Amino acid sequence: MAVKPGEWVAIKVRVREDLRRKLERIAILDDKTINGVIGEMLQAAVVAHQAGLGYGTETTIKAIQSSSAAFAVEETLKRLGVEKQGDTPEITKPSEGKSR
């Protein structure tokens, strides 16, 4: 019988012992199984790759930089009085009597 796309399948992966220990520690801290942690990490890597970010350490760095940049832009827009309404940001005047 053919395996359907949504079904769980077993795969065998070989990793160095130091990496296995790190994965185990993450699993313990997150109250998950090592298998669950690895599955989530693989899923995140696939999504990043599909989004054109690649995978691996470079992807992690890109994601952090992107997230940090987005946060910085959002904070700057707030300080400038730009409020996002729906999908279109609009510039609003600061209310009278408030100092910036």
PDB file of N, CA and C in Angstrom:
ATOM      1  N   MET A   1       0.840  -1.175   0.000  1.00  0.00           N
ATOM      2  CA  MET A   1       0.000   0.000   0.000  1.00  0.00           C
ATOM      3  C   MET A   1       0.895   1.252   0.000  1.00  0.00           C
ATOM      4  N   ALA A   2       0.543   2.224  -0.808  1.00  0.00           N
ATOM      5  CA  ALA A   2       1.332   3.449  -0.928  1.00  0.00           C
ATOM      6  C   ALA A   2       1.126   4.353   0.292  1.00  0.00           C
ATOM      7  N   VAL A   3       2.169   5.033   0.671  1.00  0.00           N
ATOM      8  CA  VAL A   3       2.100   5.962   1.803  1.00  0.00           C
ATOM      9  C   VAL A   3       1.531   7.283   1.296  1.00  0.00           C
ATOM     10  N   LYS A   4       0.562   7.813   2.029  1.00  0.00           N
ATOM     11  CA  LYS A   4      -0.072   9.078   1.651  1.00  0.00           C
ATOM     12  C   LYS A   4       0.757  10.240   2.181  1.00  0.00           C
ATOM     13  N   PRO A   5       0.691  11.421   1.526  1.00  0.00           N
ATOM     14  CA  PRO A   5       1.509  12.570   1.932  1.00  0.00           C
ATOM     15  C   PRO A   5       1.364  12.998   3.395  1.00  0.00           C
ATOM     16  N   GLY A   6       0.210  12.859   3.988  1.00  0.00           N
ATOM     17  CA  GLY A   6       0.012  13.297   5.367  1.00  0.00           C
ATOM     18  C   GLY A   6       0.365  12.264   6.420  1.00  0.00           C
ATOM     19  N   GLU A   7       0.749  11.083   6.001  1.00  0.00           N
ATOM     20  CA  GLU A   7       1.068  10.024   6.959  1.00  0.00           C
ATOM     21  C   GLU A   7       2.473  10.190   7.520  1.00  0.00           C
ATOM     22  N   TRP A   8       2.665   9.698   8.754  1.00  0.00           N
ATOM     23  CA  TRP A   8       3.969   9.714   9.392  1.00  0.00           C
ATOM     24  C   TRP A   8       4.794   8.551   8.859  1.00  0.00           C
ATOM     25  N   VAL A   9       6.057   8.802   8.575  1.00  0.00           N
ATOM     26  CA  VAL A   9       6.975   7.753   8.130  1.00  0.00           C
ATOM     27  C   VAL A   9       8.246   7.831   8.963  1.00  0.00           C
ATOM     28  N   ALA A  10       8.915   6.714   9.106  1.00  0.00           N
ATOM     29  CA  ALA A  10      10.168   6.673   9.858  1.00  0.00           C
ATOM     30  C   ALA A  10      11.335   6.894   8.905  1.00  0.00           C
ATOM     31  N   ILE A  11      12.281   7.736   9.333  1.00  0.00           N
ATOM     32  CA  ILE A  11      13.528   7.890   8.584  1.00  0.00           C
ATOM     33  C   ILE A  11      14.667   7.726   9.579  1.00  0.00           C
ATOM     34  N   LYS A  12      15.798   7.294   9.087  1.00  0.00           N
ATOM     35  CA  LYS A  12      16.946   7.085   9.965  1.00  0.00           C
ATOM     36  C   LYS A  12      17.979   8.164   9.651  1.00  0.00           C
ATOM     37  N   VAL A  13      18.428   8.857  10.676  1.00  0.00           N
ATOM     38  CA  VAL A  13      19.397   9.934  10.502  1.00  0.00           C
ATOM     39  C   VAL A  13      20.573   9.677  11.428  1.00  0.00           C
ATOM     40  N   ARG A  14      21.772   9.793  10.909  1.00  0.00           N
ATOM     41  CA  ARG A  14      22.965   9.653  11.734  1.00  0.00           C
ATOM     42  C   ARG A  14      23.516  11.044  12.037  1.00  0.00           C
ATOM     43  N   VAL A  15      23.783  11.294  13.318  1.00  0.00           N
ATOM     44  CA  VAL A  15      24.354  12.578  13.742  1.00  0.00           C
ATOM     45  C   VAL A  15      25.492  12.302  14.718  1.00  0.00           C
ATOM     46  N   ARG A  16      26.358  13.284  14.889  1.00  0.00           N
ATOM     47  CA  ARG A  16      27.434  13.166  15.874  1.00  0.00           C
ATOM     48  C   ARG A  16      26.827  13.138  17.275  1.00  0.00           C
ATOM     49  N   GLU A  17      27.512  12.513  18.202  1.00  0.00           N
ATOM     50  CA  GLU A  17      27.015  12.393  19.575  1.00  0.00           C
ATOM     51  C   GLU A  17      26.823  13.748  20.236  1.00  0.00           C
ATOM     52  N   ASP A  18      27.725  14.702  19.972  1.00  0.00           N
ATOM     53  CA  ASP A  18      27.563  16.020  20.587  1.00  0.00           C
ATOM     54  C   ASP A  18      26.278  16.698  20.117  1.00  0.00           C
ATOM     55  N   LEU A  19      25.922  16.512  18.859  1.00  0.00           N
ATOM     56  CA  LEU A  19      24.680  17.080  18.351  1.00  0.00           C
ATOM     57  C   LEU A  19      23.475  16.369  18.961  1.00  0.00           C
ATOM     58  N   ARG A  20      23.555  15.054  19.092  1.00  0.00           N
ATOM     59  CA  ARG A  20      22.458  14.306  19.715  1.00  0.00           C
ATOM     60  C   ARG A  20      22.211  14.802  21.134  1.00  0.00           C
ATOM     61  N   ARG A  21      23.285  15.079  21.871  1.00  0.00           N
ATOM     62  CA  ARG A  21      23.145  15.579  23.239  1.00  0.00           C
ATOM     63  C   ARG A  21      22.490  16.961  23.267  1.00  0.00           C
ATOM     64  N   LYS A  22      22.859  17.803  22.318  1.00  0.00           N
ATOM     65  CA  LYS A  22      22.242  19.133  22.241  1.00  0.00           C
ATOM     66  C   LYS A  22      20.756  19.015  21.929  1.00  0.00           C
ATOM     67  N   LEU A  23      20.416  18.130  21.001  1.00  0.00           N
ATOM     68  CA  LEU A  23      19.005  17.909  20.656  1.00  0.00           C
ATOM     69  C   LEU A  23      18.240  17.363  21.861  1.00  0.00           C
ATOM     70  N   GLU A  24      18.871  16.463  22.593  1.00  0.00           N
ATOM     71  CA  GLU A  24      18.253  15.894  23.785  1.00  0.00           C
ATOM     72  C   GLU A  24      17.986  16.986  24.819  1.00  0.00           C
ATOM     73  N   ARG A  25      18.942  17.879  24.992  1.00  0.00           N
ATOM     74  CA  ARG A  25      18.782  18.973  25.961  1.00  0.00           C
ATOM     75  C   ARG A  25      17.636  19.892  25.548  1.00  0.00           C
ATOM     76  N   ILE A  26      17.550  20.216  24.269  1.00  0.00           N
ATOM     77  CA  ILE A  26      16.443  21.045  23.770  1.00  0.00           C
ATOM     78  C   ILE A  26      15.121  20.341  24.038  1.00  0.00           C
ATOM     79  N   ALA A  27      15.075  19.047  23.761  1.00  0.00           N
ATOM     80  CA  ALA A  27      13.847  18.276  23.972  1.00  0.00           C
ATOM     81  C   ALA A  27      13.434  18.308  25.437  1.00  0.00           C
ATOM     82  N   ILE A  28      14.383  18.136  26.338  1.00  0.00           N
ATOM     83  CA  ILE A  28      14.078  18.159  27.767  1.00  0.00           C
ATOM     84  C   ILE A  28      13.551  19.524  28.175  1.00  0.00           C
ATOM     85  N   LEU A  29      14.230  20.587  27.743  1.00  0.00           N
ATOM     86  CA  LEU A  29      13.810  21.945  28.101  1.00  0.00           C
ATOM     87  C   LEU A  29      12.436  22.294  27.544  1.00  0.00           C
ATOM     88  N   ASP A  30      12.114  21.769  26.359  1.00  0.00           N
ATOM     89  CA  ASP A  30      10.829  22.059  25.718  1.00  0.00           C
ATOM     90  C   ASP A  30       9.763  21.024  26.037  1.00  0.00           C
ATOM     91  N   ASP A  31      10.104  20.049  26.889  1.00  0.00           N
ATOM     92  CA  ASP A  31       9.180  18.976  27.259  1.00  0.00           C
ATOM     93  C   ASP A  31       8.644  18.256  26.016  1.00  0.00           C
ATOM     94  N   LYS A  32       9.574  17.873  25.141  1.00  0.00           N
ATOM     95  CA  LYS A  32       9.242  17.171  23.907  1.00  0.00           C
ATOM     96  C   LYS A  32      10.176  15.977  23.760  1.00  0.00           C
ATOM     97  N   THR A  33       9.917  15.175  22.758  1.00  0.00           N
ATOM     98  CA  THR A  33      10.823  14.078  22.445  1.00  0.00           C
ATOM     99  C   THR A  33      11.896  14.594  21.490  1.00  0.00           C
ATOM    100  N   ILE A  34      13.023  13.898  21.449  1.00  0.00           N
ATOM    101  CA  ILE A  34      14.061  14.258  20.482  1.00  0.00           C
ATOM    102  C   ILE A  34      13.478  14.170  19.072  1.00  0.00           C
ATOM    103  N   ASN A  35      12.704  13.123  18.833  1.00  0.00           N
ATOM    104  CA  ASN A  35      12.074  12.951  17.528  1.00  0.00           C
ATOM    105  C   ASN A  35      11.198  14.155  17.174  1.00  0.00           C
ATOM    106  N   GLY A  36      10.429  14.636  18.151  1.00  0.00           N
ATOM    107  CA  GLY A  36       9.570  15.796  17.916  1.00  0.00           C
ATOM    108  C   GLY A  36      10.374  17.047  17.605  1.00  0.00           C
ATOM    109  N   VAL A  37      11.453  17.255  18.338  1.00  0.00           N
ATOM    110  CA  VAL A  37      12.318  18.422  18.113  1.00  0.00           C
ATOM    111  C   VAL A  37      12.937  18.365  16.715  1.00  0.00           C
ATOM    112  N   ILE A  38      13.462  17.207  16.355  1.00  0.00           N
ATOM    113  CA  ILE A  38      14.073  17.045  15.031  1.00  0.00           C
ATOM    114  C   ILE A  38      13.031  17.262  13.944  1.00  0.00           C
ATOM    115  N   GLY A  39      11.834  16.718  14.130  1.00  0.00           N
ATOM    116  CA  GLY A  39      10.765  16.904  13.147  1.00  0.00           C
ATOM    117  C   GLY A  39      10.418  18.369  12.955  1.00  0.00           C
ATOM    118  N   GLU A  40      10.301  19.118  14.062  1.00  0.00           N
ATOM    119  CA  GLU A  40       9.994  20.550  13.972  1.00  0.00           C
ATOM    120  C   GLU A  40      11.114  21.309  13.276  1.00  0.00           C
ATOM    121  N   MET A  41      12.359  20.961  13.599  1.00  0.00           N
ATOM    122  CA  MET A  41      13.493  21.633  12.968  1.00  0.00           C
ATOM    123  C   MET A  41      13.551  21.348  11.470  1.00  0.00           C
ATOM    124  N   LEU A  42      13.287  20.106  11.100  1.00  0.00           N
ATOM    125  CA  LEU A  42      13.277  19.760   9.679  1.00  0.00           C
ATOM    126  C   LEU A  42      12.144  20.493   8.951  1.00  0.00           C
ATOM    127  N   GLN A  43      10.970  20.552   9.588  1.00  0.00           N
ATOM    128  CA  GLN A  43       9.851  21.274   8.979  1.00  0.00           C
ATOM    129  C   GLN A  43      10.196  22.748   8.788  1.00  0.00           C
ATOM    130  N   ALA A  44      10.800  23.366   9.791  1.00  0.00           N
ATOM    131  CA  ALA A  44      11.190  24.776   9.691  1.00  0.00           C
ATOM    132  C   ALA A  44      12.213  24.979   8.574  1.00  0.00           C
ATOM    133  N   ALA A  45      13.148  24.043   8.431  1.00  0.00           N
ATOM    134  CA  ALA A  45      14.157  24.138   7.377  1.00  0.00           C
ATOM    135  C   ALA A  45      13.516  24.032   6.000  1.00  0.00           C
ATOM    136  N   VAL A  46      12.537  23.147   5.858  1.00  0.00           N
ATOM    137  CA  VAL A  46      11.851  22.994   4.573  1.00  0.00           C
ATOM    138  C   VAL A  46      11.072  24.264   4.223  1.00  0.00           C
ATOM    139  N   VAL A  47      10.364  24.818   5.200  1.00  0.00           N
ATOM    140  CA  VAL A  47       9.602  26.051   4.963  1.00  0.00           C
ATOM    141  C   VAL A  47      10.545  27.194   4.575  1.00  0.00           C
ATOM    142  N   ALA A  48      11.663  27.326   5.279  1.00  0.00           N
ATOM    143  CA  ALA A  48      12.639  28.371   4.964  1.00  0.00           C
ATOM    144  C   ALA A  48      13.192  28.182   3.552  1.00  0.00           C
ATOM    145  N   HIS A  49      13.484  26.955   3.198  1.00  0.00           N
ATOM    146  CA  HIS A  49      14.013  26.667   1.865  1.00  0.00           C
ATOM    147  C   HIS A  49      12.981  27.013   0.799  1.00  0.00           C
ATOM    148  N   GLN A  50      11.724  26.663   1.032  1.00  0.00           N
ATOM    149  CA  GLN A  50      10.660  26.978   0.080  1.00  0.00           C
ATOM    150  C   GLN A  50      10.447  28.482  -0.051  1.00  0.00           C
ATOM    151  N   ALA A  51      10.757  29.224   1.007  1.00  0.00           N
ATOM    152  CA  ALA A  51      10.616  30.680   0.979  1.00  0.00           C
ATOM    153  C   ALA A  51      11.830  31.354   0.347  1.00  0.00           C
ATOM    154  N   GLY A  52      12.779  30.542  -0.105  1.00  0.00           N
ATOM    155  CA  GLY A  52      13.947  31.094  -0.768  1.00  0.00           C
ATOM    156  C   GLY A  52      15.057  31.521   0.173  1.00  0.00           C
ATOM    157  N   LEU A  53      14.982  31.105   1.430  1.00  0.00           N
ATOM    158  CA  LEU A  53      15.997  31.494   2.404  1.00  0.00           C
ATOM    159  C   LEU A  53      17.141  30.501   2.508  1.00  0.00           C
ATOM    160  N   GLY A  54      17.015  29.370   1.833  1.00  0.00           N
ATOM    161  CA  GLY A  54      18.027  28.332   1.970  1.00  0.00           C
ATOM    162  C   GLY A  54      17.756  27.561   3.237  1.00  0.00           C
ATOM    163  N   TYR A  55      18.777  26.940   3.795  1.00  0.00           N
ATOM    164  CA  TYR A  55      18.617  26.210   5.050  1.00  0.00           C
ATOM    165  C   TYR A  55      19.947  26.152   5.767  1.00  0.00           C
ATOM    166  N   GLY A  56      19.915  25.778   7.021  1.00  0.00           N
ATOM    167  CA  GLY A  56      21.132  25.685   7.806  1.00  0.00           C
ATOM    168  C   GLY A  56      21.397  26.953   8.590  1.00  0.00           C
ATOM    169  N   THR A  57      22.634  27.129   8.976  1.00  0.00           N
ATOM    170  CA  THR A  57      23.037  28.264   9.803  1.00  0.00           C
ATOM    171  C   THR A  57      22.746  29.589   9.119  1.00  0.00           C
ATOM    172  N   GLU A  58      22.988  29.660   7.815  1.00  0.00           N
ATOM    173  CA  GLU A  58      22.738  30.909   7.088  1.00  0.00           C
ATOM    174  C   GLU A  58      21.275  31.316   7.176  1.00  0.00           C
ATOM    175  N   THR A  59      20.371  30.351   7.100  1.00  0.00           N
ATOM    176  CA  THR A  59      18.943  30.635   7.202  1.00  0.00           C
ATOM    177  C   THR A  59      18.602  31.194   8.563  1.00  0.00           C
ATOM    178  N   THR A  60      19.155  30.617   9.599  1.00  0.00           N
ATOM    179  CA  THR A  60      18.890  31.090  10.951  1.00  0.00           C
ATOM    180  C   THR A  60      19.341  32.534  11.097  1.00  0.00           C
ATOM    181  N   ILE A  61      20.520  32.835  10.594  1.00  0.00           N
ATOM    182  CA  ILE A  61      21.038  34.204  10.668  1.00  0.00           C
ATOM    183  C   ILE A  61      20.146  35.159   9.881  1.00  0.00           C
ATOM    184  N   LYS A  62      19.735  34.755   8.677  1.00  0.00           N
ATOM    185  CA  LYS A  62      18.840  35.591   7.867  1.00  0.00           C
ATOM    186  C   LYS A  62      17.518  35.844   8.584  1.00  0.00           C
ATOM    187  N   ALA A  63      16.962  34.800   9.199  1.00  0.00           N
ATOM    188  CA  ALA A  63      15.684  34.940   9.898  1.00  0.00           C
ATOM    189  C   ALA A  63      15.809  35.907  11.070  1.00  0.00           C
ATOM    190  N   ILE A  64      16.887  35.799  11.818  1.00  0.00           N
ATOM    191  CA  ILE A  64      17.099  36.697  12.958  1.00  0.00           C
ATOM    192  C   ILE A  64      17.276  38.131  12.469  1.00  0.00           C
ATOM    193  N   GLN A  65      18.065  38.317  11.428  1.00  0.00           N
ATOM    194  CA  GLN A  65      18.281  39.655  10.888  1.00  0.00           C
ATOM    195  C   GLN A  65      16.981  40.242  10.359  1.00  0.00           C
ATOM    196  N   SER A  66      16.210  39.424   9.657  1.00  0.00           N
ATOM    197  CA  SER A  66      14.939  39.878   9.097  1.00  0.00           C
ATOM    198  C   SER A  66      13.970  40.269  10.202  1.00  0.00           C
ATOM    199  N   SER A  67      13.891  39.435  11.227  1.00  0.00           N
ATOM    200  CA  SER A  67      13.006  39.699  12.350  1.00  0.00           C
ATOM    201  C   SER A  67      13.425  40.972  13.081  1.00  0.00           C
ATOM    202  N   SER A  68      14.722  41.125  13.310  1.00  0.00           N
ATOM    203  CA  SER A  68      15.234  42.314  13.991  1.00  0.00           C
ATOM    204  C   SER A  68      14.976  43.565  13.165  1.00  0.00           C
ATOM    205  N   ALA A  69      15.189  43.465  11.866  1.00  0.00           N
ATOM    206  CA  ALA A  69      14.963  44.607  10.981  1.00  0.00           C
ATOM    207  C   ALA A  69      13.487  44.981  10.959  1.00  0.00           C
ATOM    208  N   ALA A  70      12.609  43.997  10.884  1.00  0.00           N
ATOM    209  CA  ALA A  70      11.176  44.266  10.861  1.00  0.00           C
ATOM    210  C   ALA A  70      10.737  44.947  12.158  1.00  0.00           C
ATOM    211  N   PHE A  71      11.262  44.488  13.278  1.00  0.00           N
ATOM    212  CA  PHE A  71      10.932  45.089  14.565  1.00  0.00           C
ATOM    213  C   PHE A  71      11.416  46.537  14.606  1.00  0.00           C
ATOM    214  N   ALA A  72      12.633  46.776  14.136  1.00  0.00           N
ATOM    215  CA  ALA A  72      13.194  48.132  14.151  1.00  0.00           C
ATOM    216  C   ALA A  72      12.368  49.068  13.280  1.00  0.00           C
ATOM    217  N   VAL A  73      11.948  48.604  12.116  1.00  0.00           N
ATOM    218  CA  VAL A  73      11.124  49.430  11.220  1.00  0.00           C
ATOM    219  C   VAL A  73       9.786  49.729  11.883  1.00  0.00           C
ATOM    220  N   GLU A  74       9.170  48.722  12.475  1.00  0.00           N
ATOM    221  CA  GLU A  74       7.876  48.908  13.140  1.00  0.00           C
ATOM    222  C   GLU A  74       7.983  49.930  14.266  1.00  0.00           C
ATOM    223  N   GLU A  75       9.021  49.834  15.074  1.00  0.00           N
ATOM    224  CA  GLU A  75       9.209  50.779  16.176  1.00  0.00           C
ATOM    225  C   GLU A  75       9.456  52.192  15.659  1.00  0.00           C
ATOM    226  N   THR A  76      10.239  52.313  14.600  1.00  0.00           N
ATOM    227  CA  THR A  76      10.508  53.623  14.008  1.00  0.00           C
ATOM    228  C   THR A  76       9.224  54.245  13.468  1.00  0.00           C
ATOM    229  N   LEU A  77       8.403  53.441  12.787  1.00  0.00           N
ATOM    230  CA  LEU A  77       7.140  53.947  12.258  1.00  0.00           C
ATOM    231  C   LEU A  77       6.221  54.411  13.379  1.00  0.00           C
ATOM    232  N   LYS A  78       6.202  53.684  14.483  1.00  0.00           N
ATOM    233  CA  LYS A  78       5.387  54.100  15.627  1.00  0.00           C
ATOM    234  C   LYS A  78       5.852  55.457  16.144  1.00  0.00           C
ATOM    235  N   ARG A  79       7.168  55.628  16.255  1.00  0.00           N
ATOM    236  CA  ARG A  79       7.720  56.895  16.758  1.00  0.00           C
ATOM    237  C   ARG A  79       7.420  58.059  15.822  1.00  0.00           C
ATOM    238  N   LEU A  80       7.307  57.757  14.527  1.00  0.00           N
ATOM    239  CA  LEU A  80       7.024  58.795  13.541  1.00  0.00           C
ATOM    240  C   LEU A  80       5.529  59.078  13.398  1.00  0.00           C
ATOM    241  N   GLY A  81       4.709  58.319  14.103  1.00  0.00           N
ATOM    242  CA  GLY A  81       3.269  58.525  14.036  1.00  0.00           C
ATOM    243  C   GLY A  81       2.608  57.826  12.863  1.00  0.00           C
ATOM    244  N   VAL A  82       3.265  56.821  12.315  1.00  0.00           N
ATOM    245  CA  VAL A  82       2.681  56.065  11.213  1.00  0.00           C
ATOM    246  C   VAL A  82       1.963  54.868  11.822  1.00  0.00           C
ATOM    247  N   GLU A  83       0.662  54.807  11.548  1.00  0.00           N
ATOM    248  CA  GLU A  83      -0.125  53.701  12.084  1.00  0.00           C
ATOM    249  C   GLU A  83      -0.563  52.805  10.939  1.00  0.00           C
ATOM    250  N   LYS A  84      -0.464  51.518  11.155  1.00  0.00           N
ATOM    251  CA  LYS A  84      -0.871  50.567  10.133  1.00  0.00           C
ATOM    252  C   LYS A  84      -2.348  50.260  10.310  1.00  0.00           C
ATOM    253  N   GLN A  85      -3.110  50.478   9.255  1.00  0.00           N
ATOM    254  CA  GLN A  85      -4.537  50.158   9.270  1.00  0.00           C
ATOM    255  C   GLN A  85      -4.792  49.225   8.101  1.00  0.00           C
ATOM    256  N   GLY A  86      -5.141  47.991   8.400  1.00  0.00           N
ATOM    257  CA  GLY A  86      -5.307  46.997   7.337  1.00  0.00           C
ATOM    258  C   GLY A  86      -3.948  46.683   6.750  1.00  0.00           C
ATOM    259  N   ASP A  87      -3.864  46.694   5.438  1.00  0.00           N
ATOM    260  CA  ASP A  87      -2.593  46.416   4.781  1.00  0.00           C
ATOM    261  C   ASP A  87      -1.868  47.683   4.363  1.00  0.00           C
ATOM    262  N   THR A  88      -2.507  48.834   4.560  1.00  0.00           N
ATOM    263  CA  THR A  88      -1.923  50.076   4.097  1.00  0.00           C
ATOM    264  C   THR A  88      -1.550  50.972   5.265  1.00  0.00           C
ATOM    265  N   PRO A  89      -0.263  51.274   5.429  1.00  0.00           N
ATOM    266  CA  PRO A  89       0.102  52.186   6.513  1.00  0.00           C
ATOM    267  C   PRO A  89      -0.342  53.609   6.187  1.00  0.00           C
ATOM    268  N   GLU A  90      -0.814  54.316   7.191  1.00  0.00           N
ATOM    269  CA  GLU A  90      -1.228  55.703   6.993  1.00  0.00           C
ATOM    270  C   GLU A  90      -0.486  56.588   7.979  1.00  0.00           C
ATOM    271  N   ILE A  91      -0.139  57.776   7.526  1.00  0.00           N
ATOM    272  CA  ILE A  91       0.534  58.724   8.407  1.00  0.00           C
ATOM    273  C   ILE A  91      -0.537  59.524   9.127  1.00  0.00           C
ATOM    274  N   THR A  92      -0.429  59.600  10.428  1.00  0.00           N
ATOM    275  CA  THR A  92      -1.388  60.357  11.228  1.00  0.00           C
ATOM    276  C   THR A  92      -0.634  61.419  12.009  1.00  0.00           C
ATOM    277  N   LYS A  93      -1.332  62.492  12.292  1.00  0.00           N
ATOM    278  CA  LYS A  93      -0.730  63.550  13.091  1.00  0.00           C
ATOM    279  C   LYS A  93      -0.742  63.131  14.550  1.00  0.00           C
ATOM    280  N   PRO A  94       0.343  63.467  15.263  1.00  0.00           N
ATOM    281  CA  PRO A  94       0.297  63.211  16.705  1.00  0.00           C
ATOM    282  C   PRO A  94      -0.810  64.043  17.327  1.00  0.00           C
ATOM    283  N   SER A  95      -1.490  63.533  18.321  1.00  0.00           N
ATOM    284  CA  SER A  95      -2.603  64.263  18.938  1.00  0.00           C
ATOM    285  C   SER A  95      -2.090  65.535  19.588  1.00  0.00           C
ATOM    286  N   GLU A  96      -2.944  66.556  19.583  1.00  0.00           N
ATOM    287  CA  GLU A  96      -2.584  67.860  20.138  1.00  0.00           C
ATOM    288  C   GLU A  96      -2.283  67.733  21.624  1.00  0.00           C
ATOM    289  N   GLY A  97      -1.319  68.492  22.089  1.00  0.00           N
ATOM    290  CA  GLY A  97      -0.993  68.516  23.508  1.00  0.00           C
ATOM    291  C   GLY A  97      -0.002  67.446  23.943  1.00  0.00           C
ATOM    292  N   LYS A  98       0.254  66.469  23.099  1.00  0.00           N
ATOM    293  CA  LYS A  98       1.258  65.453  23.445  1.00  0.00           C
ATOM    294  C   LYS A  98       2.596  65.881  22.920  1.00  0.00           C
ATOM    295  N   SER A  99       3.591  65.750  23.721  1.00  0.00           N
ATOM    296  CA  SER A  99       4.935  66.073  23.258  1.00  0.00           C
ATOM    297  C   SER A  99       5.629  64.787  22.841  1.00  0.00           C
ATOM    298  N   ARG A 100       6.504  64.895  21.915  1.00  0.00           N
ATOM    299  CA  ARG A 100       7.247  63.726  21.425  1.00  0.00           C
ATOM    300  C   ARG A 100       8.694  63.894  21.775  1.00  0.00           C
TER     301      ARG A 100
END
